[in-house]
Amino acid sequence: MRKNGTRLLTPLIDMTDGLDKARRPLIETAIQMGRHRHEAEKAFDKALAQQNACFAEMKRAGKAALSELEADSSPQLRHDSSTNALIRRYRELQGRNP
């Protein structure tokens, strides 16, 4: 690979202590790829914000689904069709209103 100018980059990314711990290795990898540090930092911050927003949305959707699973009366489901079907099936198996 070196003969044709290709380099293999192998950053070690350990996210066991949180996504923000990936910052340094990913920024260093971007610099090795020829990007400026400021550009790499800005890209990482944007990606991290998007990932955190995704986590927040998943948490919100999960809480909504749990409350619908536990509701005494038949809730109005507002999820995708497969999630709605699973909630209905679970409620049927629990003897709750379908």
N, C-alpha and C. Protein backbone atom coordinates (compact mmCIF):
# COMPACT_ATOMS: atom_id res chain seq x y z
N MET A 1 0.81 -1.19 0.00
CA MET A 1 0.00 0.00 0.00
C MET A 1 0.86 1.26 0.00
N ARG A 2 1.97 1.22 0.70
CA ARG A 2 2.82 2.41 0.75
C ARG A 2 3.36 2.77 -0.63
N LYS A 3 3.59 1.77 -1.46
CA LYS A 3 4.14 2.03 -2.78
C LYS A 3 3.24 2.92 -3.62
N ASN A 4 1.93 2.79 -3.44
CA ASN A 4 1.02 3.63 -4.23
C ASN A 4 0.51 4.83 -3.42
N GLY A 5 1.14 5.12 -2.26
CA GLY A 5 0.81 6.31 -1.49
C GLY A 5 -0.33 6.14 -0.51
N THR A 6 -0.77 4.93 -0.31
CA THR A 6 -1.87 4.68 0.62
C THR A 6 -1.32 4.42 2.01
N ARG A 7 -1.93 5.07 3.01
CA ARG A 7 -1.56 4.84 4.41
C ARG A 7 -2.76 4.26 5.15
N LEU A 8 -2.51 3.37 6.03
CA LEU A 8 -3.55 2.78 6.85
C LEU A 8 -3.53 3.47 8.21
N LEU A 9 -4.63 4.13 8.56
CA LEU A 9 -4.73 4.81 9.85
C LEU A 9 -5.50 3.91 10.80
N THR A 10 -4.98 3.73 12.00
CA THR A 10 -5.63 2.82 12.96
C THR A 10 -5.73 3.49 14.33
N PRO A 11 -6.64 4.45 14.45
CA PRO A 11 -6.78 5.10 15.76
C PRO A 11 -7.39 4.13 16.78
N LEU A 12 -6.95 4.23 18.01
CA LEU A 12 -7.54 3.46 19.10
C LEU A 12 -8.59 4.34 19.76
N ILE A 13 -9.84 3.92 19.66
CA ILE A 13 -10.95 4.72 20.20
C ILE A 13 -11.63 3.92 21.30
N ASP A 14 -11.48 4.38 22.52
CA ASP A 14 -12.07 3.74 23.69
C ASP A 14 -13.17 4.66 24.22
N MET A 15 -14.42 4.24 24.07
CA MET A 15 -15.54 5.07 24.50
C MET A 15 -16.21 4.53 25.75
N THR A 16 -15.50 3.69 26.50
CA THR A 16 -16.11 3.12 27.71
C THR A 16 -16.39 4.19 28.75
N ASP A 17 -15.70 5.31 28.70
CA ASP A 17 -15.93 6.41 29.64
C ASP A 17 -16.72 7.55 29.01
N GLY A 18 -17.36 7.29 27.87
CA GLY A 18 -18.18 8.31 27.21
C GLY A 18 -17.66 8.65 25.82
N LEU A 19 -18.57 9.19 25.03
CA LEU A 19 -18.24 9.55 23.65
C LEU A 19 -17.19 10.64 23.56
N ASP A 20 -17.18 11.55 24.53
CA ASP A 20 -16.21 12.65 24.48
C ASP A 20 -14.77 12.16 24.57
N LYS A 21 -14.56 10.93 25.07
CA LYS A 21 -13.21 10.36 25.14
C LYS A 21 -12.65 10.01 23.76
N ALA A 22 -13.51 9.99 22.75
CA ALA A 22 -13.06 9.71 21.38
C ALA A 22 -12.50 10.96 20.71
N ARG A 23 -12.67 12.10 21.35
CA ARG A 23 -12.27 13.38 20.76
C ARG A 23 -10.80 13.38 20.31
N ARG A 24 -9.89 13.12 21.23
CA ARG A 24 -8.47 13.22 20.91
C ARG A 24 -8.05 12.29 19.77
N PRO A 25 -8.36 10.97 19.85
CA PRO A 25 -7.90 10.10 18.76
C PRO A 25 -8.55 10.44 17.41
N LEU A 26 -9.79 10.87 17.42
CA LEU A 26 -10.43 11.19 16.13
C LEU A 26 -9.88 12.49 15.55
N ILE A 27 -9.59 13.46 16.39
CA ILE A 27 -9.00 14.70 15.90
C ILE A 27 -7.59 14.44 15.37
N GLU A 28 -6.83 13.64 16.08
CA GLU A 28 -5.48 13.31 15.61
C GLU A 28 -5.53 12.55 14.28
N THR A 29 -6.52 11.69 14.12
CA THR A 29 -6.66 10.96 12.86
C THR A 29 -7.00 11.93 11.73
N ALA A 30 -7.88 12.89 12.00
CA ALA A 30 -8.22 13.88 10.97
C ALA A 30 -7.00 14.70 10.56
N ILE A 31 -6.16 15.03 11.53
CA ILE A 31 -4.93 15.77 11.23
C ILE A 31 -4.01 14.92 10.36
N GLN A 32 -3.91 13.62 10.68
CA GLN A 32 -3.10 12.72 9.84
C GLN A 32 -3.64 12.63 8.42
N MET A 33 -4.92 12.88 8.27
CA MET A 33 -5.54 12.84 6.94
C MET A 33 -5.40 14.17 6.20
N GLY A 34 -4.73 15.14 6.85
CA GLY A 34 -4.46 16.40 6.20
C GLY A 34 -5.43 17.51 6.55
N ARG A 35 -6.26 17.32 7.53
CA ARG A 35 -7.22 18.35 7.95
C ARG A 35 -6.58 19.22 9.02
N HIS A 36 -7.07 20.45 9.13
CA HIS A 36 -6.59 21.35 10.17
C HIS A 36 -7.27 21.01 11.50
N ARG A 37 -6.54 21.24 12.59
CA ARG A 37 -7.06 20.91 13.92
C ARG A 37 -8.40 21.59 14.17
N HIS A 38 -8.52 22.85 13.85
CA HIS A 38 -9.77 23.59 14.10
C HIS A 38 -10.94 22.94 13.34
N GLU A 39 -10.69 22.56 12.11
CA GLU A 39 -11.71 21.91 11.29
C GLU A 39 -12.12 20.56 11.92
N ALA A 40 -11.15 19.81 12.38
CA ALA A 40 -11.43 18.51 12.99
C ALA A 40 -12.20 18.68 14.30
N GLU A 41 -11.82 19.66 15.09
CA GLU A 41 -12.51 19.91 16.36
C GLU A 41 -13.96 20.31 16.11
N LYS A 42 -14.17 21.17 15.13
CA LYS A 42 -15.53 21.62 14.79
C LYS A 42 -16.38 20.44 14.31
N ALA A 43 -15.79 19.57 13.49
CA ALA A 43 -16.52 18.39 12.99
C ALA A 43 -16.86 17.44 14.13
N PHE A 44 -15.91 17.22 15.04
CA PHE A 44 -16.18 16.33 16.17
C PHE A 44 -17.29 16.90 17.04
N ASP A 45 -17.22 18.19 17.35
CA ASP A 45 -18.24 18.81 18.20
C ASP A 45 -19.62 18.70 17.57
N LYS A 46 -19.69 18.90 16.26
CA LYS A 46 -20.98 18.79 15.57
C LYS A 46 -21.49 17.35 15.62
N ALA A 47 -20.62 16.39 15.37
CA ALA A 47 -21.02 14.98 15.41
C ALA A 47 -21.45 14.56 16.81
N LEU A 48 -20.73 15.02 17.82
CA LEU A 48 -21.07 14.69 19.20
C LEU A 48 -22.44 15.27 19.57
N ALA A 49 -22.70 16.50 19.16
CA ALA A 49 -24.01 17.11 19.43
C ALA A 49 -25.13 16.33 18.76
N GLN A 50 -24.90 15.89 17.52
CA GLN A 50 -25.90 15.10 16.81
C GLN A 50 -26.13 13.76 17.51
N GLN A 51 -25.06 13.12 17.96
CA GLN A 51 -25.20 11.84 18.65
C GLN A 51 -25.94 12.00 19.96
N ASN A 52 -25.63 13.06 20.70
CA ASN A 52 -26.34 13.32 21.96
C ASN A 52 -27.81 13.61 21.72
N ALA A 53 -28.13 14.32 20.65
CA ALA A 53 -29.54 14.57 20.31
C ALA A 53 -30.25 13.26 19.96
N CYS A 54 -29.55 12.37 19.28
CA CYS A 54 -30.11 11.05 18.95
C CYS A 54 -30.39 10.26 20.23
N PHE A 55 -29.45 10.27 21.16
CA PHE A 55 -29.65 9.58 22.43
C PHE A 55 -30.86 10.13 23.17
N ALA A 56 -30.99 11.46 23.19
CA ALA A 56 -32.12 12.09 23.88
C ALA A 56 -33.45 11.68 23.24
N GLU A 57 -33.49 11.64 21.92
CA GLU A 57 -34.71 11.23 21.22
C GLU A 57 -35.03 9.77 21.49
N MET A 58 -34.02 8.90 21.50
CA MET A 58 -34.26 7.48 21.81
C MET A 58 -34.78 7.32 23.24
N LYS A 59 -34.24 8.10 24.17
CA LYS A 59 -34.69 8.04 25.56
C LYS A 59 -36.15 8.49 25.66
N ARG A 60 -36.50 9.58 24.96
CA ARG A 60 -37.87 10.08 24.96
C ARG A 60 -38.82 9.04 24.38
N ALA A 61 -38.45 8.44 23.26
CA ALA A 61 -39.30 7.43 22.61
C ALA A 61 -39.44 6.20 23.50
N GLY A 62 -38.37 5.82 24.16
CA GLY A 62 -38.42 4.67 25.06
C GLY A 62 -39.35 4.90 26.23
N LYS A 63 -39.29 6.09 26.83
CA LYS A 63 -40.18 6.43 27.94
C LYS A 63 -41.64 6.42 27.48
N ALA A 64 -41.89 6.96 26.28
CA ALA A 64 -43.25 6.97 25.75
C ALA A 64 -43.75 5.54 25.54
N ALA A 65 -42.91 4.69 24.98
CA ALA A 65 -43.31 3.30 24.73
C ALA A 65 -43.58 2.57 26.04
N LEU A 66 -42.75 2.79 27.06
CA LEU A 66 -42.98 2.16 28.35
C LEU A 66 -44.30 2.59 28.97
N SER A 67 -44.61 3.87 28.88
CA SER A 67 -45.88 4.32 29.46
C SER A 67 -47.06 3.74 28.69
N GLU A 68 -46.91 3.53 27.39
CA GLU A 68 -47.97 2.92 26.59
C GLU A 68 -48.11 1.44 26.91
N LEU A 69 -47.00 0.77 27.20
CA LEU A 69 -47.07 -0.64 27.59
C LEU A 69 -47.80 -0.82 28.91
N GLU A 70 -47.61 0.14 29.81
CA GLU A 70 -48.15 0.03 31.16
C GLU A 70 -49.53 0.67 31.33
N ALA A 71 -50.02 1.40 30.32
CA ALA A 71 -51.28 2.13 30.45
C ALA A 71 -52.46 1.18 30.70
N ASP A 72 -53.41 1.63 31.53
CA ASP A 72 -54.61 0.83 31.81
C ASP A 72 -55.55 0.80 30.62
N SER A 73 -55.70 1.94 29.96
CA SER A 73 -56.58 1.98 28.79
C SER A 73 -55.74 1.92 27.52
N SER A 74 -56.40 1.69 26.41
CA SER A 74 -55.70 1.54 25.14
C SER A 74 -55.14 2.89 24.69
N PRO A 75 -53.82 3.03 24.65
CA PRO A 75 -53.22 4.32 24.28
C PRO A 75 -53.25 4.55 22.77
N GLN A 76 -53.17 5.82 22.40
CA GLN A 76 -53.03 6.15 20.98
C GLN A 76 -51.54 6.07 20.64
N LEU A 77 -51.18 5.09 19.83
CA LEU A 77 -49.77 4.83 19.50
C LEU A 77 -49.30 5.73 18.38
N ARG A 78 -48.12 6.32 18.57
CA ARG A 78 -47.58 7.25 17.57
C ARG A 78 -46.15 6.88 17.16
N HIS A 79 -45.88 5.59 17.12
CA HIS A 79 -44.54 5.12 16.74
C HIS A 79 -44.58 4.61 15.30
N ASP A 80 -43.48 4.06 14.85
CA ASP A 80 -43.47 3.40 13.55
C ASP A 80 -44.34 2.15 13.65
N SER A 81 -44.72 1.61 12.50
CA SER A 81 -45.68 0.50 12.48
C SER A 81 -45.19 -0.74 13.23
N SER A 82 -43.91 -1.05 13.15
CA SER A 82 -43.43 -2.25 13.83
C SER A 82 -43.44 -2.07 15.35
N THR A 83 -43.07 -0.88 15.83
CA THR A 83 -43.12 -0.62 17.27
C THR A 83 -44.55 -0.65 17.77
N ASN A 84 -45.47 -0.03 17.02
CA ASN A 84 -46.89 -0.07 17.38
C ASN A 84 -47.39 -1.50 17.47
N ALA A 85 -47.01 -2.33 16.51
CA ALA A 85 -47.45 -3.73 16.50
C ALA A 85 -46.91 -4.48 17.71
N LEU A 86 -45.66 -4.24 18.06
CA LEU A 86 -45.08 -4.90 19.23
C LEU A 86 -45.77 -4.47 20.52
N ILE A 87 -46.09 -3.19 20.63
CA ILE A 87 -46.78 -2.71 21.83
C ILE A 87 -48.17 -3.34 21.92
N ARG A 88 -48.87 -3.39 20.79
CA ARG A 88 -50.19 -4.03 20.79
C ARG A 88 -50.08 -5.50 21.19
N ARG A 89 -49.13 -6.21 20.63
CA ARG A 89 -48.95 -7.63 20.93
C ARG A 89 -48.63 -7.84 22.40
N TYR A 90 -47.74 -7.05 22.94
CA TYR A 90 -47.39 -7.16 24.35
C TYR A 90 -48.62 -6.93 25.22
N ARG A 91 -49.39 -5.92 24.89
CA ARG A 91 -50.58 -5.60 25.67
C ARG A 91 -51.58 -6.75 25.59
N GLU A 92 -51.72 -7.35 24.43
CA GLU A 92 -52.61 -8.51 24.27
C GLU A 92 -52.14 -9.66 25.15
N LEU A 93 -50.85 -9.94 25.15
CA LEU A 93 -50.31 -11.03 25.95
C LEU A 93 -50.47 -10.77 27.45
N GLN A 94 -50.51 -9.51 27.83
CA GLN A 94 -50.70 -9.15 29.24
C GLN A 94 -52.18 -9.06 29.62
N GLY A 95 -53.07 -9.28 28.64
CA GLY A 95 -54.51 -9.22 28.90
C GLY A 95 -55.03 -7.80 29.01
N ARG A 96 -54.31 -6.87 28.44
CA ARG A 96 -54.75 -5.47 28.44
C ARG A 96 -55.50 -5.19 27.14
N ASN A 97 -56.21 -4.06 27.11
CA ASN A 97 -56.94 -3.69 25.90
C ASN A 97 -55.97 -3.66 24.72
N PRO A 98 -56.33 -4.24 23.59
CA PRO A 98 -55.43 -4.23 22.42
C PRO A 98 -55.24 -2.85 21.84
